[in-house]
Structure formats: structure tokens, C-alpha cells
Amino acid sequence: MIEMNIPGQGILQLEYLVCDVNGTLAMDGVLLPGISTVMKKIQDRLTVFLITADTHAKQSKINFELGIEAKIIQKGHEIEQKRNFITQLGPEKVIAIGQGANDSGMLKEAAIGICVFSEEGTSIDALMSSDIIVKDGLTALKLVQNPMRMVATLRK
């Protein structure tokens, strides 16, 4: 668990990290450099979920590399599927990371939504639904790994 006292917002007790995969942690179905190393460190503090439509049909390799079994969502109504997943976990306990239009619901629903800029592109809907914006997926994971950085960004 990660506990953060954010001035102006109160205390958050975070238990889960939910990450989109393609465009966020991977490009064209291939995990971005450095993601695996940082992800393993985060797993000591948070339960990590990957959520994806497996656009490039390479998720099984990513699952193996990260040691995490992804939740594969169906194509169509992806925003709702991802948002509902956050709701089931308890949004007040979740950090979500994504960049696509279909991530906008989960980014808005989560206690902390982190939007990443991506070579694949970044949806304006995802951007506007987030609490924090960072340059890439690795930076987002490093932010989660160092929660005082999030406190500094989110304080009011």
C-alpha cells in the first residue's frame, strides 16, 4: 500500500495500480525499455493490473515479461469496461495510467489518473480526465515508485 497525505485533498490509501498497455507501457505490442525493472519494484507495494484490448495480439509475451496476467477487454465499449474495472476495485484505492481515448473513464474514476504522452499519440479525452500528465510510461511508473513526487504535484 502507498499512503499519501496530499495538502488540500486529504489522505489517500492506495492499493492498486491499473495500467493500459499499448501506447502506455508498450509500443506496437513491445514493452518499452525499463518498464519491467520499475514495475517489479512497484509490485512490492501495490497490486498491479494490466488492462488491454490486446490490439497487437502480443499480450502473452508482455504478461510473461512482467509476471502479470492482463485483463483482456472486448473491443467495443472499452471506456466503460475500463471504468467498471476501476469501480469494482474501489476507485479511492486506485492509481490508473493510460493515454488513449478508451482510458479516459478509468483515469477520471481513479483516485489518481496519470496520462502519458506517447509516440502512439495521446487522446485529448485522456488528457482532460487525468490528474497528472507525464512524458512517458516509464516516467509514470517512476512517479508511482516515488509517491512524494505525486504529493508535490497534487497539493493545493
Foldseek 3Di string as FASTA:
>chain_A
DDWDQAAPPGIFAAAEEEEEPDQAQDDLLHGDPPSQVLLVLCVVRHHYEYEYCCPNVNVVVVCVSNVHDHHHDHPDPLLVVLLVVCVVVPQSRYEYEEFDLSCLNSQQSHVFYEYEQGPVGGDPSSVVSGPYYYHGNNVVSVCSVVVVVVSVSRHD
